[in-house]
Amino acid sequence: MRRYGFNKFLSLKRIRQIYGATFFIVFFLLILATDFKHLKGYEVNLFLKIDPLVTITTILSSWTLYRGLALGLITIILTLFLGRFFCSWICPMGLLNQWISNIFNRRRPADDYRINMYRPVYRLKYYILTGLLLLSLAGTIQAGLLDPISLITRTASVTVLPLFHYLTGTIYVKKPLYHGGVLIGIIFVAILFLNRFITRLWCRLLCPLGAMLGMLSRFSIFRIWRDVQRCNDCMKCLRNCHGGCNPHRDVVYSECYLCMNCIDDCPEGAIHYGLQKETSSVQSGIDLNRRRLVETALATVVIYPIMRSTVSASTRAEPEVIRPPGSLPEEDFLKRCLKCGECMRVCPTNAIQPALLEGGFETLWTPILINRIGYCEYNCVLCGHVCPTGAIKPLKVAEKIGAPPYKKPVKIGTAFYDRGRCLPWAMNIECIVCEEVCPTSPKAIWFEHVDVTLRDGKKKTLKRPHVDPQLCIGCGICEYKCPVHDLAAIRVSSIGETRSRRNQLILKLQ
């Protein structure tokens, strides 16, 4: 029977809506707090830490459980107990998709019934999950490309907030610019546009986290169930179903998001949440095609060497792939990095950018430094403190700059002069900008005083700059401040980085 008044307000559907809105607001506030001005010990990466897909893929790729990611195990345990609650109660990507669906999907009831039914094509996400798990097992974590928490965090960091700043000028100190931000934004808009056709189509068809939670919910103790003796087959429960799990028939429990709409919409009170009874309808499980699973595994076997054939970790270091300070060695870094964009958001100089194909497809959207956009602030170590998986280990300022008790600073690269573009070298024009801004002590840039003869025969004493590779830490401020437009006269390469023994200017003979 329908409930009215205060009892209806306290329905499970209403509680779910309150929880969902609260978690979405918390997520948005944490994204805003991921900033060097506001980062005051907040768990800004909380949603990534409670994401079980992040936890499992990181364990499979690195064979370690990084501190903090144990929270994802709690989500798994709760799913085994309560069911697939995460998708409609907590997940900001799922909530946003649902709200967009509510805005654009204004159909007749008959159309809602037809469109909202379960479709076999929704099994695609389970094959995607299988491929991502196999890639993780092979040592490359690509779950961040499609994981909903990583996806929405990355988009908010490099597209949404910068766009909002351009319109209002209220978020950043420096106007942000992100390499590839437009592409990331277009992909996100395309995902939201899918809701124009079917409610939460991304969640139903492509989301690997939803697939993992769906597999876990197969063993859940509490479930949505239909009392066949009270049901009059009106199908009203199907109209507002978030997951298209066929609550009017044999409930496909792996697709049930526990939105509780069916309980609220049922005029006969025939649908319940809890322990099943003898009068409950039959529950349908995941119907996966074994042939498709084998094909997915074979496709993964083919994709893996293609990805690895271009990666710098297995061939040679790419000079443009300059990682943030504290990054693990490249092969280990790629086993942990989620491409979530947290480090990009927190960087105060906008230096950390999402990579495109600088290091191969495997490095897509992983963080790199582009020094013409920004530079690594000498006393800043924020990126390591917001990384949820330990791909960038947290450093102390003293450790980064090599202050006592630490003996050497952390190098992320080495600067080199292009003498064909450097003003003192190429054009006999005085310029000391790079030396002035060099933050190391003693400075890594030093001058050679030379007497030159100009074209008109006049004599001139110039200061021609040189880089001491033993002192240079690769921060990139010299490249950022260089007055030569387009290609700077001094550019930083990843060579000499502390994290790699192989990527050195001159290898020591053993």
Protein backbone atom coordinates (compact mmCIF):
# COMPACT_ATOMS: atom_id res chain seq x y z
CA MET A 1 0.00 0.00 0.00
CA ARG A 2 1.11 3.57 -0.60
CA ARG A 3 2.42 5.57 2.32
CA TYR A 4 1.59 9.18 2.94
CA GLY A 5 2.76 12.03 5.11
CA PHE A 6 5.71 11.57 7.43
CA ASN A 7 6.05 7.85 6.70
CA LYS A 8 6.50 8.58 3.00
CA PHE A 9 9.12 11.20 3.80
CA LEU A 10 11.07 8.56 5.73
CA SER A 11 10.84 6.00 2.93
CA LEU A 12 13.99 4.25 1.76
CA LYS A 13 13.80 6.18 -1.50
CA ARG A 14 13.82 9.51 0.34
CA ILE A 15 16.67 8.40 2.59
CA ARG A 16 18.62 7.33 -0.48
CA GLN A 17 18.05 10.72 -2.10
CA ILE A 18 19.28 12.52 1.01
CA TYR A 19 22.36 10.32 1.25
CA GLY A 20 23.10 10.71 -2.46
CA ALA A 21 22.85 14.49 -2.39
CA THR A 22 24.99 14.63 0.75
CA PHE A 23 27.74 12.46 -0.70
CA PHE A 24 27.74 14.44 -3.95
CA ILE A 25 28.15 17.70 -2.04
CA VAL A 26 30.95 16.17 0.04
CA PHE A 27 32.68 14.99 -3.15
CA PHE A 28 32.42 18.46 -4.69
CA LEU A 29 33.73 20.14 -1.53
CA LEU A 30 36.68 17.75 -1.41
CA ILE A 31 37.51 18.58 -5.03
CA LEU A 32 37.47 22.27 -4.12
CA ALA A 33 39.62 21.56 -1.05
CA THR A 34 42.25 19.87 -3.24
CA ASP A 35 44.08 23.15 -3.53
CA PHE A 36 47.29 24.45 -2.02
CA LYS A 37 45.34 27.23 -0.28
CA HIS A 38 42.78 24.93 1.35
CA LEU A 39 44.56 21.58 1.78
CA LYS A 40 44.59 21.29 5.57
CA GLY A 41 44.68 17.59 6.27
CA TYR A 42 41.35 16.83 4.61
CA GLU A 43 40.99 13.38 3.06
CA VAL A 44 40.54 14.90 -0.38
CA ASN A 45 41.01 11.52 -2.07
CA LEU A 46 38.45 9.77 0.14
CA PHE A 47 36.16 8.69 -2.71
CA LEU A 48 39.08 7.13 -4.57
CA LYS A 49 40.13 5.27 -1.43
CA ILE A 50 36.67 3.74 -0.91
CA ASP A 51 36.49 2.69 -4.57
CA PRO A 52 36.86 -1.13 -4.61
CA LEU A 53 37.91 -1.17 -8.27
CA VAL A 54 40.87 1.04 -7.38
CA THR A 55 41.76 -1.23 -4.48
CA ILE A 56 41.55 -4.50 -6.40
CA THR A 57 43.33 -3.34 -9.57
CA THR A 58 46.12 -1.76 -7.53
CA ILE A 59 46.59 -4.98 -5.58
CA LEU A 60 46.68 -7.02 -8.79
CA SER A 61 49.13 -4.73 -10.58
CA SER A 62 51.56 -4.03 -7.73
CA TRP A 63 50.91 -6.99 -5.41
CA THR A 64 50.71 -4.59 -2.49
CA LEU A 65 47.90 -2.94 -0.57
CA TYR A 66 48.73 0.73 -0.19
CA ARG A 67 47.65 2.33 3.06
CA GLY A 68 44.29 4.01 2.73
CA LEU A 69 43.08 1.73 -0.04
CA ALA A 70 41.96 -0.74 2.61
CA LEU A 71 38.82 1.40 2.76
CA GLY A 72 37.87 -0.16 -0.56
CA LEU A 73 37.73 -3.53 1.18
CA ILE A 74 35.11 -2.08 3.53
CA THR A 75 32.98 -1.17 0.50
CA ILE A 76 33.32 -4.76 -0.71
CA ILE A 77 32.22 -6.15 2.66
CA LEU A 78 29.23 -3.80 2.81
CA THR A 79 28.25 -4.80 -0.73
CA LEU A 80 28.33 -8.47 0.25
CA PHE A 81 26.03 -7.60 3.13
CA LEU A 82 23.72 -4.89 1.73
CA GLY A 83 23.94 -5.29 -2.04
CA ARG A 84 24.97 -2.83 -4.76
CA PHE A 85 24.26 0.30 -2.72
CA PHE A 86 27.31 2.29 -3.88
CA CYS A 87 25.92 3.15 -7.33
CA SER A 88 22.84 5.11 -6.23
CA TRP A 89 23.81 6.13 -2.71
CA ILE A 90 27.45 7.26 -2.96
CA CYS A 91 28.94 7.28 -6.47
CA PRO A 92 29.05 10.91 -7.73
CA MET A 93 29.26 9.76 -11.35
CA GLY A 94 26.18 7.58 -10.96
CA LEU A 95 24.27 10.32 -9.18
CA LEU A 96 25.14 12.87 -11.87
CA ASN A 97 24.06 10.49 -14.62
CA GLN A 98 20.77 9.90 -12.82
CA TRP A 99 20.07 13.60 -12.41
CA ILE A 100 20.85 14.24 -16.08
CA SER A 101 18.50 11.37 -16.98
CA ASN A 102 15.75 12.89 -14.87
CA ILE A 103 16.11 16.18 -16.74
CA PHE A 104 16.20 14.85 -20.30
CA ASN A 105 14.15 11.66 -20.12
CA ARG A 106 10.57 12.90 -20.14
CA ARG A 107 8.69 10.07 -21.80
CA ARG A 108 5.32 8.43 -21.73
CA PRO A 109 4.99 5.63 -19.15
CA ALA A 110 4.75 3.02 -21.91
CA ASP A 111 8.09 4.17 -23.33
CA ASP A 112 9.70 4.07 -19.90
CA TYR A 113 8.59 0.49 -19.40
CA ARG A 114 10.02 -0.56 -22.76
CA ILE A 115 13.32 1.31 -22.47
CA ASN A 116 13.96 0.47 -18.83
CA MET A 117 13.88 -3.30 -19.24
CA TYR A 118 17.08 -5.26 -18.82
CA ARG A 119 19.00 -5.83 -22.07
CA PRO A 120 21.63 -8.51 -22.72
CA VAL A 121 23.97 -5.83 -24.11
CA TYR A 122 24.42 -4.57 -20.54
CA ARG A 123 26.79 -7.51 -20.05
CA LEU A 124 29.43 -5.53 -21.95
CA LYS A 125 30.67 -3.90 -18.75
CA TYR A 126 31.57 -7.31 -17.31
CA TYR A 127 33.80 -8.01 -20.29
CA ILE A 128 35.38 -4.57 -19.89
CA LEU A 129 36.01 -5.36 -16.23
CA THR A 130 37.58 -8.68 -17.19
CA GLY A 131 39.98 -6.94 -19.57
CA LEU A 132 40.96 -4.32 -16.99
CA LEU A 133 41.59 -6.96 -14.33
CA LEU A 134 43.76 -8.98 -16.71
CA LEU A 135 45.75 -5.87 -17.63
CA SER A 136 46.23 -5.12 -13.94
CA LEU A 137 47.41 -8.66 -13.37
CA ALA A 138 49.92 -8.13 -16.18
CA GLY A 139 51.28 -5.06 -14.42
CA THR A 140 49.56 -2.10 -16.07
CA ILE A 141 46.68 -0.40 -14.29
CA GLN A 142 44.28 1.04 -16.86
CA ALA A 143 41.16 1.00 -14.69
CA GLY A 144 41.48 4.75 -14.22
CA LEU A 145 40.43 5.32 -17.82
CA LEU A 146 36.89 4.09 -17.11
CA ASP A 147 36.60 3.95 -13.33
CA PRO A 148 33.78 6.42 -12.55
CA ILE A 149 35.46 8.02 -9.52
CA SER A 150 38.74 8.53 -11.38
CA LEU A 151 36.87 9.77 -14.43
CA ILE A 152 34.78 12.39 -12.67
CA THR A 153 37.71 13.50 -10.48
CA ARG A 154 39.94 13.93 -13.53
CA THR A 155 37.25 15.83 -15.43
CA ALA A 156 36.45 18.09 -12.50
CA SER A 157 40.15 18.85 -11.98
CA VAL A 158 41.24 19.59 -15.53
CA THR A 159 38.03 20.70 -17.26
CA VAL A 160 35.10 21.71 -15.05
CA LEU A 161 36.86 23.83 -12.42
CA PRO A 162 39.14 25.59 -14.95
CA LEU A 163 36.08 26.39 -17.07
CA PHE A 164 34.27 27.73 -14.01
CA HIS A 165 37.32 29.86 -13.20
CA TYR A 166 37.36 31.33 -16.71
CA LEU A 167 33.75 32.37 -16.22
CA THR A 168 34.03 33.69 -12.66
CA GLY A 169 37.73 34.08 -11.80
CA THR A 170 37.08 32.78 -8.28
CA ILE A 171 38.93 29.47 -7.85
CA TYR A 172 42.58 29.68 -8.87
CA VAL A 173 45.32 32.20 -8.14
CA LYS A 174 46.80 31.62 -11.58
CA LYS A 175 44.56 31.09 -14.60
CA PRO A 176 44.74 27.32 -15.23
CA LEU A 177 45.59 25.69 -18.52
CA TYR A 178 45.48 21.93 -18.97
CA HIS A 179 47.05 19.94 -21.78
CA GLY A 180 44.22 17.82 -23.24
CA GLY A 181 41.56 19.27 -20.97
CA VAL A 182 39.19 19.88 -23.89
CA LEU A 183 39.39 16.23 -24.98
CA ILE A 184 38.69 15.03 -21.44
CA GLY A 185 35.72 17.40 -21.24
CA ILE A 186 34.30 16.22 -24.57
CA ILE A 187 34.46 12.59 -23.45
CA PHE A 188 32.68 13.45 -20.21
CA VAL A 189 29.94 15.39 -22.00
CA ALA A 190 29.48 12.45 -24.39
CA ILE A 191 28.99 10.12 -21.42
CA LEU A 192 26.36 12.41 -19.94
CA PHE A 193 24.67 12.73 -23.34
CA LEU A 194 24.10 8.96 -23.39
CA ASN A 195 21.43 9.53 -20.75
CA ARG A 196 19.34 11.17 -23.46
CA PHE A 197 18.61 7.71 -24.85
CA ILE A 198 18.52 5.38 -21.85
CA THR A 199 18.62 6.22 -18.16
CA ARG A 200 22.16 5.84 -16.80
CA LEU A 201 23.36 4.14 -19.97
CA TRP A 202 27.00 4.62 -18.94
CA CYS A 203 26.36 2.84 -15.64
CA ARG A 204 24.39 0.03 -17.23
CA LEU A 205 26.61 -0.58 -20.24
CA LEU A 206 30.22 0.51 -19.63
CA CYS A 207 31.02 1.12 -15.96
CA PRO A 208 33.63 -1.41 -14.73
CA LEU A 209 33.08 -0.47 -11.08
CA GLY A 210 29.38 -1.23 -11.50
CA ALA A 211 30.31 -4.59 -13.01
CA MET A 212 32.50 -5.43 -10.02
CA LEU A 213 29.81 -4.41 -7.55
CA GLY A 214 27.25 -6.36 -9.56
CA MET A 215 29.33 -9.51 -9.28
CA LEU A 216 29.74 -8.98 -5.54
CA SER A 217 26.03 -8.31 -5.01
CA ARG A 218 25.34 -11.82 -6.27
CA PHE A 219 26.29 -12.97 -2.78
CA SER A 220 24.59 -10.18 -0.81
CA ILE A 221 22.44 -11.09 2.17
CA PHE A 222 19.88 -8.30 1.76
CA ARG A 223 18.18 -7.82 -1.60
CA ILE A 224 15.23 -6.32 -3.41
CA TRP A 225 12.56 -8.99 -3.78
CA ARG A 226 9.01 -9.14 -5.09
CA ASP A 227 6.13 -10.86 -3.29
CA VAL A 228 4.48 -12.79 -6.12
CA GLN A 229 1.26 -13.26 -4.12
CA ARG A 230 0.68 -9.52 -3.74
CA CYS A 231 2.00 -8.38 -7.14
CA ASN A 232 -0.68 -7.52 -9.73
CA ASP A 233 1.82 -7.18 -12.64
CA CYS A 234 1.12 -3.48 -13.14
CA MET A 235 4.84 -2.87 -13.98
CA LYS A 236 4.86 0.51 -12.24
CA CYS A 237 7.99 -0.59 -10.40
CA LEU A 238 9.90 -0.70 -13.69
CA ARG A 239 9.27 2.88 -14.79
CA ASN A 240 11.72 4.62 -12.43
CA CYS A 241 14.19 1.77 -11.95
CA HIS A 242 17.75 3.14 -12.03
CA GLY A 243 19.45 -0.04 -13.14
CA GLY A 244 16.86 -1.66 -15.38
CA CYS A 245 16.92 -4.81 -13.25
CA ASN A 246 13.39 -5.97 -14.10
CA PRO A 247 11.84 -5.70 -10.63
CA HIS A 248 8.48 -6.68 -12.18
CA ARG A 249 9.81 -10.12 -13.13
CA ASP A 250 12.74 -12.17 -11.91
CA VAL A 251 14.93 -9.44 -10.45
CA VAL A 252 18.39 -9.28 -12.06
CA TYR A 253 20.06 -8.56 -8.75
CA SER A 254 23.47 -7.82 -10.28
CA GLU A 255 21.87 -4.80 -11.99
CA CYS A 256 19.92 -3.55 -8.97
CA TYR A 257 21.35 -0.24 -7.67
CA LEU A 258 19.11 -0.26 -4.59
CA CYS A 259 17.51 3.01 -5.67
CA MET A 260 14.38 1.90 -3.76
CA ASN A 261 12.11 3.54 -6.35
CA CYS A 262 10.29 0.28 -6.99
CA ILE A 263 9.34 -0.01 -3.31
CA ASP A 264 7.97 3.51 -3.33
CA ASP A 265 6.13 3.12 -6.65
CA CYS A 266 4.46 -0.23 -5.97
CA PRO A 267 0.75 0.39 -5.21
CA GLU A 268 0.35 -3.04 -3.61
CA GLY A 269 3.41 -3.01 -1.35
CA ALA A 270 4.65 -6.14 -3.09
CA ILE A 271 8.31 -5.15 -3.35
CA HIS A 272 10.58 -5.26 -0.32
CA TYR A 273 14.21 -4.90 0.65
CA GLY A 274 15.70 -7.36 3.08
CA LEU A 275 15.90 -11.10 3.58
CA GLN A 276 13.94 -13.08 1.04
CA LYS A 277 10.82 -15.00 1.97
CA GLU A 278 9.17 -18.07 0.52
CA THR A 279 6.77 -15.93 -1.49
CA SER A 280 9.54 -13.95 -3.19
CA SER A 281 10.11 -14.06 -6.93
CA VAL A 282 13.02 -15.89 -8.55
CA GLN A 283 16.31 -13.97 -8.60
CA SER A 284 18.31 -13.87 -11.85
CA GLY A 285 22.10 -13.93 -11.84
CA ILE A 286 24.75 -12.69 -14.25
CA ASP A 287 24.39 -14.42 -17.58
CA LEU A 288 27.84 -14.15 -19.13
CA ASN A 289 28.80 -15.75 -22.40
CA ARG A 290 31.89 -17.92 -21.92
CA ARG A 291 32.88 -17.42 -25.52
CA ARG A 292 32.82 -13.65 -25.04
CA LEU A 293 34.95 -14.00 -21.90
CA VAL A 294 37.54 -16.00 -23.84
CA GLU A 295 37.48 -13.40 -26.62
CA THR A 296 37.99 -10.66 -24.03
CA ALA A 297 40.97 -12.49 -22.57
CA LEU A 298 42.49 -12.98 -26.03
CA ALA A 299 41.94 -9.32 -26.90
CA THR A 300 43.70 -8.34 -23.68
CA VAL A 301 46.63 -10.58 -24.57
CA VAL A 302 46.91 -8.76 -27.91
CA ILE A 303 46.48 -5.26 -26.46
CA TYR A 304 49.01 -5.67 -23.67
CA PRO A 305 52.19 -6.02 -25.79
CA ILE A 306 51.00 -3.21 -28.07
CA MET A 307 50.71 -0.90 -25.08
CA ARG A 308 54.01 -2.03 -23.61
CA SER A 309 55.86 -1.72 -26.91
CA THR A 310 55.72 2.06 -26.68
CA VAL A 311 56.12 2.59 -22.97
CA SER A 312 59.25 4.25 -21.70
CA ALA A 313 59.51 1.89 -18.76
CA SER A 314 60.37 -1.08 -20.95
CA THR A 315 62.40 0.56 -23.74
CA ARG A 316 64.04 3.90 -23.06
CA ALA A 317 63.13 6.94 -21.04
CA GLU A 318 61.20 9.63 -22.88
CA PRO A 319 62.71 13.08 -22.30
CA GLU A 320 59.26 14.72 -22.24
CA VAL A 321 57.88 12.36 -19.59
CA ILE A 322 58.92 14.33 -16.51
CA ARG A 323 57.11 12.94 -13.49
CA PRO A 324 56.23 14.85 -10.31
CA PRO A 325 58.76 14.69 -7.45
CA GLY A 326 58.41 11.54 -5.41
CA SER A 327 57.17 9.44 -8.33
CA LEU A 328 58.09 5.77 -8.24
CA PRO A 329 60.32 4.29 -10.97
CA GLU A 330 58.36 4.34 -14.22
CA GLU A 331 57.39 0.68 -14.31
CA ASP A 332 56.17 0.79 -10.70
CA PHE A 333 54.55 4.17 -11.29
CA LEU A 334 52.43 2.76 -14.12
CA LYS A 335 51.35 -0.10 -11.86
CA ARG A 336 49.79 2.40 -9.46
CA CYS A 337 48.81 5.59 -11.25
CA LEU A 338 45.03 5.93 -11.68
CA LYS A 339 45.13 9.00 -13.93
CA CYS A 340 42.73 10.57 -11.43
CA GLY A 341 44.09 14.12 -11.70
CA GLU A 342 44.36 14.82 -7.96
CA CYS A 343 48.02 15.85 -8.30
CA MET A 344 47.14 18.12 -11.23
CA ARG A 345 44.44 19.84 -9.23
CA VAL A 346 46.67 20.51 -6.21
CA CYS A 347 49.71 21.77 -8.14
CA PRO A 348 50.01 25.51 -7.32
CA THR A 349 51.82 26.42 -10.55
CA ASN A 350 49.70 24.36 -12.98
CA ALA A 351 52.84 22.46 -14.03
CA ILE A 352 51.42 18.95 -13.65
CA GLN A 353 49.44 18.08 -16.76
CA PRO A 354 47.64 15.01 -18.14
CA ALA A 355 49.89 13.24 -20.64
CA LEU A 356 48.64 12.45 -24.10
CA LEU A 357 50.89 10.01 -25.97
CA GLU A 358 54.30 11.35 -24.93
CA GLY A 359 55.22 8.00 -23.40
CA GLY A 360 52.88 5.72 -25.33
CA PHE A 361 49.25 4.77 -24.86
CA GLU A 362 49.88 3.25 -21.44
CA THR A 363 50.80 6.68 -20.08
CA LEU A 364 47.64 8.40 -21.37
CA TRP A 365 46.40 10.99 -18.82
CA THR A 366 49.11 10.15 -16.31
CA PRO A 367 50.73 13.24 -14.73
CA ILE A 368 53.72 14.87 -16.39
CA LEU A 369 55.30 18.30 -15.98
CA ILE A 370 55.07 20.72 -18.90
CA ASN A 371 57.37 23.53 -17.92
CA ARG A 372 56.18 26.05 -20.48
CA ILE A 373 52.86 25.97 -18.63
CA GLY A 374 54.25 25.86 -15.09
CA TYR A 375 57.18 24.72 -12.98
CA CYS A 376 57.75 22.59 -9.90
CA GLU A 377 57.68 24.91 -6.90
CA TYR A 378 60.89 24.43 -4.91
CA ASN A 379 59.24 23.99 -1.49
CA CYS A 380 56.06 22.22 -2.63
CA VAL A 381 55.38 18.53 -1.97
CA LEU A 382 51.58 18.54 -2.18
CA CYS A 383 51.24 16.13 -5.12
CA GLY A 384 52.53 13.17 -3.13
CA HIS A 385 50.18 13.88 -0.25
CA VAL A 386 47.01 13.69 -2.38
CA CYS A 387 47.97 10.64 -4.46
CA PRO A 388 45.60 7.83 -3.36
CA THR A 389 47.68 4.87 -4.53
CA GLY A 390 51.28 5.82 -3.70
CA ALA A 391 52.32 6.27 -7.33
CA ILE A 392 53.75 9.55 -6.05
CA LYS A 393 55.11 8.94 -2.58
CA PRO A 394 54.65 11.71 0.00
CA LEU A 395 57.83 13.69 0.58
CA LYS A 396 58.93 16.09 3.24
CA VAL A 397 60.15 19.48 2.05
CA ALA A 398 63.59 18.81 3.52
CA GLU A 399 63.73 15.49 1.67
CA LYS A 400 62.82 17.12 -1.62
CA ILE A 401 65.36 19.94 -1.45
CA GLY A 402 68.10 17.87 0.18
CA ALA A 403 68.21 19.77 3.47
CA PRO A 404 69.65 18.00 6.56
CA PRO A 405 69.36 15.21 7.49
CA TYR A 406 68.92 14.35 3.80
CA LYS A 407 72.08 14.44 1.72
CA LYS A 408 70.78 14.95 -1.82
CA PRO A 409 67.72 16.66 -3.31
CA VAL A 410 65.13 14.85 -5.38
CA LYS A 411 65.87 15.37 -9.07
CA ILE A 412 63.06 15.12 -11.61
CA GLY A 413 65.25 15.98 -14.59
CA THR A 414 68.06 18.15 -15.89
CA ALA A 415 68.04 21.42 -17.81
CA PHE A 416 69.95 21.85 -21.08
CA TYR A 417 70.64 24.94 -23.15
CA ASP A 418 69.75 25.27 -26.81
CA ARG A 419 72.62 27.54 -27.80
CA GLY A 420 70.98 28.26 -31.12
CA ARG A 421 68.13 30.00 -29.29
CA CYS A 422 69.77 31.31 -26.12
CA LEU A 423 70.15 35.09 -26.40
CA PRO A 424 73.71 35.38 -25.01
CA TRP A 425 74.90 32.42 -27.07
CA ALA A 426 73.07 32.94 -30.36
CA MET A 427 72.62 36.71 -30.57
CA ASN A 428 75.12 38.18 -28.11
CA ILE A 429 72.24 39.78 -26.19
CA GLU A 430 72.53 40.00 -22.43
CA CYS A 431 70.07 37.84 -20.49
CA ILE A 432 70.40 36.45 -16.96
CA VAL A 433 66.77 35.46 -16.26
CA CYS A 434 67.45 31.75 -15.85
CA GLU A 435 70.20 32.30 -13.30
CA GLU A 436 68.14 34.79 -11.32
CA VAL A 437 65.20 32.43 -10.86
CA CYS A 438 67.21 29.26 -10.18
CA PRO A 439 66.14 28.20 -6.65
CA THR A 440 69.00 25.89 -5.68
CA SER A 441 71.81 26.91 -3.37
CA PRO A 442 74.40 27.12 -4.76
CA LYS A 443 72.70 27.91 -8.06
CA ALA A 444 72.74 25.25 -10.73
CA ILE A 445 73.21 27.91 -13.42
CA TRP A 446 76.52 29.73 -13.59
CA PHE A 447 78.04 32.23 -16.01
CA GLU A 448 81.11 32.21 -18.18
CA HIS A 449 82.41 35.72 -18.83
CA VAL A 450 83.50 36.01 -22.44
CA ASP A 451 84.67 38.86 -24.66
CA VAL A 452 82.99 38.82 -28.06
CA THR A 453 83.41 40.88 -31.20
CA LEU A 454 80.14 42.16 -32.63
CA ARG A 455 79.40 42.49 -36.34
CA ASP A 456 80.26 46.18 -36.31
CA GLY A 457 83.64 45.40 -34.77
CA LYS A 458 82.84 46.57 -31.25
CA LYS A 459 83.92 44.53 -28.26
CA LYS A 460 81.46 43.32 -25.65
CA THR A 461 81.68 41.27 -22.46
CA LEU A 462 78.87 38.76 -22.06
CA LYS A 463 77.71 36.34 -19.40
CA ARG A 464 77.02 33.05 -21.13
CA PRO A 465 75.07 30.61 -18.96
CA HIS A 466 75.90 26.99 -18.24
CA VAL A 467 74.06 24.31 -16.25
CA ASP A 468 75.78 22.31 -13.54
CA PRO A 469 74.03 18.92 -13.88
CA GLN A 470 75.12 17.95 -10.38
CA LEU A 471 73.13 20.83 -8.87
CA CYS A 472 70.19 21.04 -11.27
CA ILE A 473 67.02 19.41 -9.90
CA GLY A 474 64.92 19.82 -13.05
CA CYS A 475 62.30 22.07 -11.46
CA GLY A 476 61.77 23.83 -14.79
CA ILE A 477 61.45 27.40 -13.54
CA CYS A 478 64.25 28.43 -15.90
CA GLU A 479 62.32 27.02 -18.86
CA TYR A 480 59.09 28.62 -17.65
CA LYS A 481 60.65 32.06 -17.21
CA CYS A 482 62.79 32.00 -20.35
CA PRO A 483 61.94 35.12 -22.40
CA VAL A 484 62.39 33.29 -25.71
CA HIS A 485 58.93 32.53 -27.04
CA ASP A 486 57.63 29.18 -28.32
CA LEU A 487 60.54 26.78 -27.66
CA ALA A 488 62.51 27.99 -24.66
CA ALA A 489 66.27 28.41 -24.96
CA ILE A 490 66.68 26.19 -21.90
CA ARG A 491 64.61 23.04 -21.62
CA VAL A 492 64.30 20.31 -19.02
CA SER A 493 64.64 16.64 -19.91
CA SER A 494 63.78 13.71 -17.65
CA ILE A 495 67.36 12.50 -17.77
CA GLY A 496 69.16 12.45 -14.44
CA GLU A 497 65.98 11.84 -12.43
CA THR A 498 66.50 10.39 -8.98
CA ARG A 499 63.92 7.65 -9.41
CA SER A 500 65.75 5.89 -12.25
CA ARG A 501 69.21 4.34 -12.33
CA ARG A 502 69.06 3.87 -16.09
CA ASN A 503 67.87 7.32 -17.11
CA GLN A 504 71.17 9.04 -16.39
CA LEU A 505 73.30 11.31 -18.54
CA ILE A 506 76.36 9.09 -18.14
CA LEU A 507 75.97 5.59 -16.78
CA LYS A 508 78.60 4.59 -14.27
CA LEU A 509 80.61 1.55 -15.27
CA GLN A 510 80.38 -1.17 -12.66
